[in-house]
C-alpha atoms as a PDB file:
ATOM      1  CA  MET A   1     -18.473  16.414  -8.538  1.00  0.00           C
ATOM      2  CA  SER A   2     -16.102  13.271  -7.649  1.00  0.00           C
ATOM      3  CA  LYS A   3     -12.512  13.387  -7.077  1.00  0.00           C
ATOM      4  CA  LYS A   4     -10.037  11.494  -9.350  1.00  0.00           C
ATOM      5  CA  LEU A   5      -8.572   8.360  -7.883  1.00  0.00           C
ATOM      6  CA  ILE A   6      -5.199   7.712  -7.654  1.00  0.00           C
ATOM      7  CA  SER A   7      -3.598   4.171  -7.626  1.00  0.00           C
ATOM      8  CA  ILE A   8      -0.171   3.765  -5.866  1.00  0.00           C
ATOM      9  CA  VAL A   9       1.369   0.527  -6.885  1.00  0.00           C
ATOM     10  CA  VAL A  10       3.991  -0.718  -4.993  1.00  0.00           C
ATOM     11  CA  PRO A  11       5.912  -3.958  -6.054  1.00  0.00           C
ATOM     12  CA  ASN A  12       7.538  -5.751  -3.017  1.00  0.00           C
ATOM     13  CA  TYR A  13       9.781  -8.659  -2.557  1.00  0.00           C
ATOM     14  CA  ASN A  14      11.047  -9.312   1.037  1.00  0.00           C
ATOM     15  CA  GLU A  15      10.455  -5.775   2.331  1.00  0.00           C
ATOM     16  CA  ALA A  16       8.285  -6.749   5.327  1.00  0.00           C
ATOM     17  CA  ASP A  17      10.532  -4.241   7.770  1.00  0.00           C
ATOM     18  CA  THR A  18      10.102  -1.492   5.260  1.00  0.00           C
ATOM     19  CA  LEU A  19       6.496  -1.842   4.620  1.00  0.00           C
ATOM     20  CA  ASP A  20       4.970   0.230   7.745  1.00  0.00           C
ATOM     21  CA  GLU A  21       6.985   3.019   7.591  1.00  0.00           C
ATOM     22  CA  LEU A  22       6.624   3.081   3.481  1.00  0.00           C
ATOM     23  CA  TYR A  23       2.371   2.692   4.042  1.00  0.00           C
ATOM     24  CA  GLU A  24       2.584   5.854   6.927  1.00  0.00           C
ATOM     25  CA  ARG A  25       4.861   8.112   4.570  1.00  0.00           C
ATOM     26  CA  THR A  26       2.792   7.428   1.419  1.00  0.00           C
ATOM     27  CA  THR A  27      -0.339   7.810   3.410  1.00  0.00           C
ATOM     28  CA  LYS A  28       1.097  11.365   5.172  1.00  0.00           C
ATOM     29  CA  VAL A  29       1.782  12.808   1.532  1.00  0.00           C
ATOM     30  CA  MET A  30      -1.420  11.554  -0.207  1.00  0.00           C
ATOM     31  CA  GLN A  31      -3.777  13.280   2.848  1.00  0.00           C
ATOM     32  CA  THR A  32      -2.125  16.436   1.678  1.00  0.00           C
ATOM     33  CA  LEU A  33      -3.582  16.186  -1.980  1.00  0.00           C
ATOM     34  CA  ASN A  34      -7.087  16.288  -0.592  1.00  0.00           C
ATOM     35  CA  LYS A  35      -8.382  16.911  -4.114  1.00  0.00           C
ATOM     36  CA  TYR A  36      -7.853  13.255  -4.589  1.00  0.00           C
ATOM     37  CA  ASP A  37      -9.078   9.946  -3.412  1.00  0.00           C
ATOM     38  CA  TYR A  38      -6.340   7.003  -3.519  1.00  0.00           C
ATOM     39  CA  GLU A  39      -5.559   3.756  -3.162  1.00  0.00           C
ATOM     40  CA  ILE A  40      -2.209   1.925  -2.314  1.00  0.00           C
ATOM     41  CA  VAL A  41      -1.588  -1.847  -4.075  1.00  0.00           C
ATOM     42  CA  PHE A  42       0.872  -4.130  -2.754  1.00  0.00           C
ATOM     43  CA  PHE A  43       1.881  -6.528  -5.274  1.00  0.00           C
ATOM     44  CA  ASP A  44       4.249  -9.486  -3.416  1.00  0.00           C
ATOM     45  CA  ASP A  45       6.655 -11.536  -5.612  1.00  0.00           C
ATOM     46  CA  GLY A  46       6.998 -14.592  -3.510  1.00  0.00           C
ATOM     47  CA  SER A  47       8.753 -12.913  -0.613  1.00  0.00           C
ATOM     48  CA  THR A  48       9.981 -15.472   2.035  1.00  0.00           C
ATOM     49  CA  GLU A  49      10.577 -13.636   5.285  1.00  0.00           C
ATOM     50  CA  GLY A  50       6.964 -12.429   6.254  1.00  0.00           C
ATOM     51  CA  SER A  51       6.370  -9.758   3.679  1.00  0.00           C
ATOM     52  CA  LYS A  52       2.640 -11.406   2.597  1.00  0.00           C
ATOM     53  CA  LYS A  53       1.598 -11.464   6.560  1.00  0.00           C
ATOM     54  CA  LYS A  54       2.430  -7.568   7.053  1.00  0.00           C
ATOM     55  CA  ILE A  55       0.861  -6.597   3.650  1.00  0.00           C
ATOM     56  CA  GLU A  56      -2.092  -8.749   4.800  1.00  0.00           C
ATOM     57  CA  GLU A  57      -2.550  -6.892   7.785  1.00  0.00           C
ATOM     58  CA  LEU A  58      -1.877  -3.408   6.154  1.00  0.00           C
ATOM     59  CA  ALA A  59      -4.922  -4.558   3.849  1.00  0.00           C
ATOM     60  CA  ARG A  60      -7.086  -4.515   6.641  1.00  0.00           C
ATOM     61  CA  ARG A  61      -6.951  -0.799   6.451  1.00  0.00           C
ATOM     62  CA  GLU A  62      -9.567   0.747   3.543  1.00  0.00           C
ATOM     63  CA  ASP A  63      -6.935   2.524   1.348  1.00  0.00           C
ATOM     64  CA  VAL A  64      -4.915  -0.857   0.930  1.00  0.00           C
ATOM     65  CA  ALA A  65      -5.507  -3.573  -1.680  1.00  0.00           C
ATOM     66  CA  PHE A  66      -2.848  -6.633  -1.925  1.00  0.00           C
ATOM     67  CA  GLU A  67      -2.348  -8.908  -4.988  1.00  0.00           C
ATOM     68  CA  GLU A  68      -0.319 -11.695  -4.756  1.00  0.00           C
ATOM     69  CA  GLU A  69       1.516 -12.870  -7.735  1.00  0.00           C
END
C-alpha cells in the first residue's frame, strides 16, 4: 500500500531570512508522520530581497518544489 501524499504550500514574499528555519522545522515534523509522503511547495510572489534564490537552493532537495508567480 502506498503512502498518501501531503502537499505543504508555502506562500512567500520577502522572507529569505526565515526560509531555512521554516524548511527545517517543517521537515522535522513531517518526518515524524512517517505514514505520509510529503512535498513542500514554495510560491514566491515577486520578492525583491533574495527569496527567489533561497527557494531555488531549497528546490534542489527532493522534497521541495518552486513555483514562481
